[in-house]
PDB file of all heavy atoms in Angstrom:
ATOM      1  N   GLU A   1      92.702  -2.847-131.220  1.00  0.00           N
ATOM      2  CA  GLU A   1      92.770  -2.707-129.773  1.00  0.00           C
ATOM      3  C   GLU A   1      93.164  -1.313-129.334  1.00  0.00           C
ATOM      4  O   GLU A   1      92.570  -0.813-128.366  1.00  0.00           O
ATOM      5  CB  GLU A   1      93.860  -3.713-129.269  1.00  0.00           C
ATOM      6  CG  GLU A   1      93.489  -5.217-129.419  1.00  0.00           C
ATOM      7  CD  GLU A   1      92.649  -5.688-128.239  1.00  0.00           C
ATOM      8  OE1 GLU A   1      92.791  -5.231-127.144  1.00  0.00           O
ATOM      9  OE2 GLU A   1      91.829  -6.589-128.557  1.00  0.00           O
ATOM     10  N   LEU A   2      94.071  -0.735-130.047  1.00  0.00           N
ATOM     11  CA  LEU A   2      94.486   0.636-129.638  1.00  0.00           C
ATOM     12  C   LEU A   2      93.325   1.583-129.719  1.00  0.00           C
ATOM     13  O   LEU A   2      93.174   2.442-128.815  1.00  0.00           O
ATOM     14  CB  LEU A   2      95.547   1.110-130.660  1.00  0.00           C
ATOM     15  CG  LEU A   2      97.013   0.671-130.471  1.00  0.00           C
ATOM     16  CD1 LEU A   2      97.884   1.199-131.638  1.00  0.00           C
ATOM     17  CD2 LEU A   2      97.521   1.310-129.130  1.00  0.00           C
ATOM     18  N   TYR A   3      92.512   1.497-130.754  1.00  0.00           N
ATOM     19  CA  TYR A   3      91.470   2.494-131.001  1.00  0.00           C
ATOM     20  C   TYR A   3      90.140   2.017-130.394  1.00  0.00           C
ATOM     21  O   TYR A   3      89.084   2.740-130.589  1.00  0.00           O
ATOM     22  CB  TYR A   3      91.353   2.826-132.432  1.00  0.00           C
ATOM     23  CG  TYR A   3      92.541   3.678-132.804  1.00  0.00           C
ATOM     24  CD1 TYR A   3      93.678   3.159-133.405  1.00  0.00           C
ATOM     25  CD2 TYR A   3      92.597   5.065-132.462  1.00  0.00           C
ATOM     26  CE1 TYR A   3      94.775   3.922-133.723  1.00  0.00           C
ATOM     27  CE2 TYR A   3      93.657   5.859-132.818  1.00  0.00           C
ATOM     28  CZ  TYR A   3      94.772   5.260-133.429  1.00  0.00           C
ATOM     29  OH  TYR A   3      95.846   6.075-133.683  1.00  0.00           O
ATOM     30  N   SER A   4      90.114   0.976-129.540  1.00  0.00           N
ATOM     31  CA  SER A   4      88.942   0.596-128.825  1.00  0.00           C
ATOM     32  C   SER A   4      89.164   0.987-127.366  1.00  0.00           C
ATOM     33  O   SER A   4      88.296   0.783-126.512  1.00  0.00           O
ATOM     34  CB  SER A   4      88.564  -0.848-129.027  1.00  0.00           C
ATOM     35  OG  SER A   4      89.597  -1.683-128.474  1.00  0.00           O
ATOM     36  N   SER A   5      90.292   1.523-127.036  1.00  0.00           N
ATOM     37  CA  SER A   5      90.577   1.983-125.671  1.00  0.00           C
ATOM     38  C   SER A   5      89.658   3.115-125.282  1.00  0.00           C
ATOM     39  O   SER A   5      89.221   3.887-126.163  1.00  0.00           O
ATOM     40  CB  SER A   5      92.018   2.394-125.515  1.00  0.00           C
ATOM     41  OG  SER A   5      92.881   1.340-125.865  1.00  0.00           O
ATOM     42  N   PRO A   6      89.406   3.271-124.002  1.00  0.00           N
ATOM     43  CA  PRO A   6      88.574   4.398-123.588  1.00  0.00           C
ATOM     44  C   PRO A   6      89.042   5.724-124.059  1.00  0.00           C
ATOM     45  O   PRO A   6      90.224   6.044-123.951  1.00  0.00           O
ATOM     46  CB  PRO A   6      88.605   4.302-122.025  1.00  0.00           C
ATOM     47  CG  PRO A   6      88.911   2.887-121.736  1.00  0.00           C
ATOM     48  CD  PRO A   6      89.819   2.480-122.842  1.00  0.00           C
ATOM     49  N   GLY A   7      88.158   6.513-124.654  1.00  0.00           N
ATOM     50  CA  GLY A   7      88.513   7.813-125.157  1.00  0.00           C
ATOM     51  C   GLY A   7      88.896   7.839-126.605  1.00  0.00           C
ATOM     52  O   GLY A   7      89.082   8.906-127.224  1.00  0.00           O
ATOM     53  N   LEU A   8      89.119   6.639-127.171  1.00  0.00           N
ATOM     54  CA  LEU A   8      89.589   6.619-128.619  1.00  0.00           C
ATOM     55  C   LEU A   8      88.529   5.972-129.470  1.00  0.00           C
ATOM     56  O   LEU A   8      88.834   5.800-130.676  1.00  0.00           O
ATOM     57  CB  LEU A   8      90.904   5.798-128.659  1.00  0.00           C
ATOM     58  CG  LEU A   8      92.041   6.378-127.873  1.00  0.00           C
ATOM     59  CD1 LEU A   8      93.268   5.474-127.918  1.00  0.00           C
ATOM     60  CD2 LEU A   8      92.419   7.808-128.302  1.00  0.00           C
ATOM     61  N   GLU A   9      87.378   5.622-128.969  1.00  0.00           N
ATOM     62  CA  GLU A   9      86.404   4.862-129.782  1.00  0.00           C
ATOM     63  C   GLU A   9      85.808   5.738-130.986  1.00  0.00           C
ATOM     64  O   GLU A   9      85.325   5.133-131.889  1.00  0.00           O
ATOM     65  CB  GLU A   9      85.175   4.520-128.875  1.00  0.00           C
ATOM     66  CG  GLU A   9      85.487   3.729-127.639  1.00  0.00           C
ATOM     67  CD  GLU A   9      85.702   4.679-126.461  1.00  0.00           C
ATOM     68  OE1 GLU A   9      85.937   5.954-126.640  1.00  0.00           O
ATOM     69  OE2 GLU A   9      85.631   4.180-125.368  1.00  0.00           O
ATOM     70  N   GLN A  10      85.977   6.989-130.895  1.00  0.00           N
ATOM     71  CA  GLN A  10      85.482   7.794-131.930  1.00  0.00           C
ATOM     72  C   GLN A  10      86.420   7.973-133.179  1.00  0.00           C
ATOM     73  O   GLN A  10      86.039   8.589-134.210  1.00  0.00           O
ATOM     74  CB  GLN A  10      85.134   9.215-131.469  1.00  0.00           C
ATOM     75  CG  GLN A  10      84.135   9.262-130.396  1.00  0.00           C
ATOM     76  CD  GLN A  10      82.753   8.702-130.833  1.00  0.00           C
ATOM     77  OE1 GLN A  10      82.304   8.999-131.913  1.00  0.00           O
ATOM     78  NE2 GLN A  10      82.168   7.804-130.088  1.00  0.00           N
ATOM     79  N   TYR A  11      87.653   7.319-133.056  1.00  0.00           N
ATOM     80  CA  TYR A  11      88.536   7.410-134.209  1.00  0.00           C
ATOM     81  C   TYR A  11      88.188   6.333-135.203  1.00  0.00           C
ATOM     82  O   TYR A  11      87.849   5.210-134.832  1.00  0.00           O
ATOM     83  CB  TYR A  11      89.963   7.186-133.711  1.00  0.00           C
ATOM     84  CG  TYR A  11      90.569   8.436-132.978  1.00  0.00           C
ATOM     85  CD1 TYR A  11      90.222   8.750-131.667  1.00  0.00           C
ATOM     86  CD2 TYR A  11      91.469   9.248-133.685  1.00  0.00           C
ATOM     87  CE1 TYR A  11      90.769   9.854-131.084  1.00  0.00           C
ATOM     88  CE2 TYR A  11      92.015  10.350-133.086  1.00  0.00           C
ATOM     89  CZ  TYR A  11      91.636  10.629-131.807  1.00  0.00           C
ATOM     90  OH  TYR A  11      92.180  11.825-131.191  1.00  0.00           O
ATOM     91  N   CYS A  12      88.261   6.719-136.482  1.00  0.00           N
ATOM     92  CA  CYS A  12      88.000   5.832-137.569  1.00  0.00           C
ATOM     93  C   CYS A  12      89.147   5.709-138.501  1.00  0.00           C
ATOM     94  O   CYS A  12      89.835   6.736-138.691  1.00  0.00           O
ATOM     95  CB  CYS A  12      86.762   6.349-138.359  1.00  0.00           C
ATOM     96  SG  CYS A  12      85.261   6.484-137.379  1.00  0.00           S
ATOM     97  N   PRO A  13      89.298   4.504-139.053  1.00  0.00           N
ATOM     98  CA  PRO A  13      90.460   4.383-140.016  1.00  0.00           C
ATOM     99  C   PRO A  13      90.161   4.981-141.390  1.00  0.00           C
ATOM    100  O   PRO A  13      89.070   5.016-141.872  1.00  0.00           O
ATOM    101  CB  PRO A  13      90.539   2.876-140.135  1.00  0.00           C
ATOM    102  CG  PRO A  13      89.206   2.330-139.871  1.00  0.00           C
ATOM    103  CD  PRO A  13      88.623   3.314-138.919  1.00  0.00           C
ATOM    104  N   GLU A  14      91.142   5.623-141.942  1.00  0.00           N
ATOM    105  CA  GLU A  14      91.077   6.079-143.289  1.00  0.00           C
ATOM    106  C   GLU A  14      92.428   5.866-143.992  1.00  0.00           C
ATOM    107  O   GLU A  14      93.482   5.768-143.329  1.00  0.00           O
ATOM    108  CB  GLU A  14      90.712   7.575-143.440  1.00  0.00           C
ATOM    109  CG  GLU A  14      91.018   8.493-142.361  1.00  0.00           C
ATOM    110  CD  GLU A  14      90.513   9.911-142.631  1.00  0.00           C
ATOM    111  OE1 GLU A  14      90.815  10.489-143.714  1.00  0.00           O
ATOM    112  OE2 GLU A  14      89.960  10.483-141.711  1.00  0.00           O
ATOM    113  N   ALA A  15      92.352   5.663-145.285  1.00  0.00           N
ATOM    114  CA  ALA A  15      93.611   5.476-146.063  1.00  0.00           C
ATOM    115  C   ALA A  15      94.243   6.812-146.386  1.00  0.00           C
ATOM    116  O   ALA A  15      93.585   7.805-146.732  1.00  0.00           O
ATOM    117  CB  ALA A  15      93.251   4.752-147.317  1.00  0.00           C
ATOM    118  N   VAL A  16      95.569   6.842-146.225  1.00  0.00           N
ATOM    119  CA  VAL A  16      96.367   8.022-146.553  1.00  0.00           C
ATOM    120  C   VAL A  16      97.583   7.585-147.329  1.00  0.00           C
ATOM    121  O   VAL A  16      97.966   6.429-147.295  1.00  0.00           O
ATOM    122  CB  VAL A  16      96.797   8.824-145.322  1.00  0.00           C
ATOM    123  CG1 VAL A  16      95.639   9.398-144.563  1.00  0.00           C
ATOM    124  CG2 VAL A  16      97.702   8.011-144.359  1.00  0.00           C
ATOM    125  N   ILE A  17      98.152   8.548-148.041  1.00  0.00           N
ATOM    126  CA  ILE A  17      99.481   8.306-148.721  1.00  0.00           C
ATOM    127  C   ILE A  17     100.512   9.005-147.847  1.00  0.00           C
ATOM    128  O   ILE A  17     100.429  10.178-147.669  1.00  0.00           O
ATOM    129  CB  ILE A  17      99.502   8.863-150.143  1.00  0.00           C
ATOM    130  CG1 ILE A  17      98.432   8.177-151.028  1.00  0.00           C
ATOM    131  CG2 ILE A  17     100.911   8.682-150.770  1.00  0.00           C
ATOM    132  CD1 ILE A  17      98.648   6.676-151.176  1.00  0.00           C
ATOM    133  N   VAL A  18     101.430   8.247-147.387  1.00  0.00           N
ATOM    134  CA  VAL A  18     102.501   8.760-146.525  1.00  0.00           C
ATOM    135  C   VAL A  18     103.761   8.902-147.358  1.00  0.00           C
ATOM    136  O   VAL A  18     104.173   7.985-148.100  1.00  0.00           O
ATOM    137  CB  VAL A  18     102.800   7.878-145.333  1.00  0.00           C
ATOM    138  CG1 VAL A  18     103.924   8.444-144.445  1.00  0.00           C
ATOM    139  CG2 VAL A  18     101.528   7.645-144.480  1.00  0.00           C
ATOM    140  N   HIS A  19     104.355  10.107-147.265  1.00  0.00           N
ATOM    141  CA  HIS A  19     105.664  10.369-147.965  1.00  0.00           C
ATOM    142  C   HIS A  19     106.767  10.144-146.873  1.00  0.00           C
ATOM    143  O   HIS A  19     106.839  10.907-145.954  1.00  0.00           O
ATOM    144  CB  HIS A  19     105.672  11.771-148.484  1.00  0.00           C
ATOM    145  CG  HIS A  19     104.609  12.009-149.483  1.00  0.00           C
ATOM    146  ND1 HIS A  19     104.684  11.701-150.815  1.00  0.00           N
ATOM    147  CD2 HIS A  19     103.346  12.466-149.335  1.00  0.00           C
ATOM    148  CE1 HIS A  19     103.600  11.966-151.406  1.00  0.00           C
ATOM    149  NE2 HIS A  19     102.750  12.449-150.508  1.00  0.00           N
ATOM    150  N   LEU A  20     107.476   9.078-147.039  1.00  0.00           N
ATOM    151  CA  LEU A  20     108.618   8.810-146.137  1.00  0.00           C
ATOM    152  C   LEU A  20     109.676   9.855-146.294  1.00  0.00           C
ATOM    153  O   LEU A  20     109.912  10.308-147.429  1.00  0.00           O
ATOM    154  CB  LEU A  20     109.159   7.448-146.299  1.00  0.00           C
ATOM    155  CG  LEU A  20     108.162   6.279-146.060  1.00  0.00           C
ATOM    156  CD1 LEU A  20     108.813   4.937-146.280  1.00  0.00           C
ATOM    157  CD2 LEU A  20     107.543   6.310-144.676  1.00  0.00           C
ATOM    158  N   LEU A  21     110.382  10.179-145.221  1.00  0.00           N
ATOM    159  CA  LEU A  21     111.471  11.200-145.334  1.00  0.00           C
ATOM    160  C   LEU A  21     112.549  10.666-146.259  1.00  0.00           C
ATOM    161  O   LEU A  21     113.333  11.464-146.756  1.00  0.00           O
ATOM    162  CB  LEU A  21     111.929  11.543-143.905  1.00  0.00           C
ATOM    163  CG  LEU A  21     110.941  12.246-143.022  1.00  0.00           C
ATOM    164  CD1 LEU A  21     111.599  12.690-141.773  1.00  0.00           C
ATOM    165  CD2 LEU A  21     110.202  13.389-143.683  1.00  0.00           C
ATOM    166  N   GLU A  22     112.636   9.416-146.379  1.00  0.00           N
ATOM    167  CA  GLU A  22     113.653   8.770-147.280  1.00  0.00           C
ATOM    168  C   GLU A  22     113.230   8.964-148.725  1.00  0.00           C
ATOM    169  O   GLU A  22     114.099   8.662-149.637  1.00  0.00           O
ATOM    170  CB  GLU A  22     113.764   7.329-147.019  1.00  0.00           C
ATOM    171  CG  GLU A  22     114.276   7.022-145.621  1.00  0.00           C
ATOM    172  CD  GLU A  22     114.225   5.563-145.277  1.00  0.00           C
ATOM    173  OE1 GLU A  22     113.575   4.725-146.002  1.00  0.00           O
ATOM    174  OE2 GLU A  22     114.823   5.184-144.268  1.00  0.00           O
ATOM    175  N   GLY A  23     112.067   9.409-149.061  1.00  0.00           N
ATOM    176  CA  GLY A  23     111.659   9.643-150.440  1.00  0.00           C
ATOM    177  C   GLY A  23     110.534   8.814-150.974  1.00  0.00           C
ATOM    178  O   GLY A  23     109.823   9.178-151.868  1.00  0.00           O
ATOM    179  N   GLU A  24     110.279   7.589-150.471  1.00  0.00           N
ATOM    180  CA  GLU A  24     109.245   6.711-150.952  1.00  0.00           C
ATOM    181  C   GLU A  24     107.872   7.138-150.443  1.00  0.00           C
ATOM    182  O   GLU A  24     107.744   7.734-149.400  1.00  0.00           O
ATOM    183  CB  GLU A  24     109.572   5.286-150.409  1.00  0.00           C
ATOM    184  CG  GLU A  24     108.576   4.249-150.836  1.00  0.00           C
ATOM    185  CD  GLU A  24     108.861   2.912-150.097  1.00  0.00           C
ATOM    186  OE1 GLU A  24     109.915   2.771-149.424  1.00  0.00           O
ATOM    187  OE2 GLU A  24     108.078   1.998-150.347  1.00  0.00           O
ATOM    188  N   ALA A  25     106.888   6.882-151.270  1.00  0.00           N
ATOM    189  CA  ALA A  25     105.437   7.132-150.850  1.00  0.00           C
ATOM    190  C   ALA A  25     104.802   5.772-150.803  1.00  0.00           C
ATOM    191  O   ALA A  25     104.994   4.898-151.593  1.00  0.00           O
ATOM    192  CB  ALA A  25     104.741   8.019-151.849  1.00  0.00           C
ATOM    193  N   LEU A  26     103.923   5.683-149.734  1.00  0.00           N
ATOM    194  CA  LEU A  26     103.218   4.345-149.556  1.00  0.00           C
ATOM    195  C   LEU A  26     101.836   4.600-148.903  1.00  0.00           C
ATOM    196  O   LEU A  26     101.633   5.572-148.204  1.00  0.00           O
ATOM    197  CB  LEU A  26     104.058   3.407-148.713  1.00  0.00           C
ATOM    198  CG  LEU A  26     104.558   3.924-147.320  1.00  0.00           C
ATOM    199  CD1 LEU A  26     103.548   3.657-146.255  1.00  0.00           C
ATOM    200  CD2 LEU A  26     105.836   3.077-147.039  1.00  0.00           C
ATOM    201  N   PRO A  27     100.949   3.675-149.145  1.00  0.00           N
ATOM    202  CA  PRO A  27      99.599   3.767-148.509  1.00  0.00           C
ATOM    203  C   PRO A  27      99.677   3.304-147.111  1.00  0.00           C
ATOM    204  O   PRO A  27     100.470   2.353-146.766  1.00  0.00           O
ATOM    205  CB  PRO A  27      98.776   2.855-149.361  1.00  0.00           C
ATOM    206  CG  PRO A  27      99.672   1.814-149.874  1.00  0.00           C
ATOM    207  CD  PRO A  27     101.022   2.557-150.084  1.00  0.00           C
ATOM    208  N   ALA A  28      98.875   3.872-146.199  1.00  0.00           N
ATOM    209  CA  ALA A  28      98.821   3.459-144.798  1.00  0.00           C
ATOM    210  C   ALA A  28      97.442   3.728-144.228  1.00  0.00           C
ATOM    211  O   ALA A  28      96.749   4.572-144.776  1.00  0.00           O
ATOM    212  CB  ALA A  28      99.950   4.233-143.966  1.00  0.00           C
TER     213      ALA A  28
END
């Protein structure tokens, strides 16, 4: 819903690895 809003339709999902500031890494 967020990325089907007007002006955001060109955004595509991709997987990333996020490093939390607490130290853990996780996929998102």
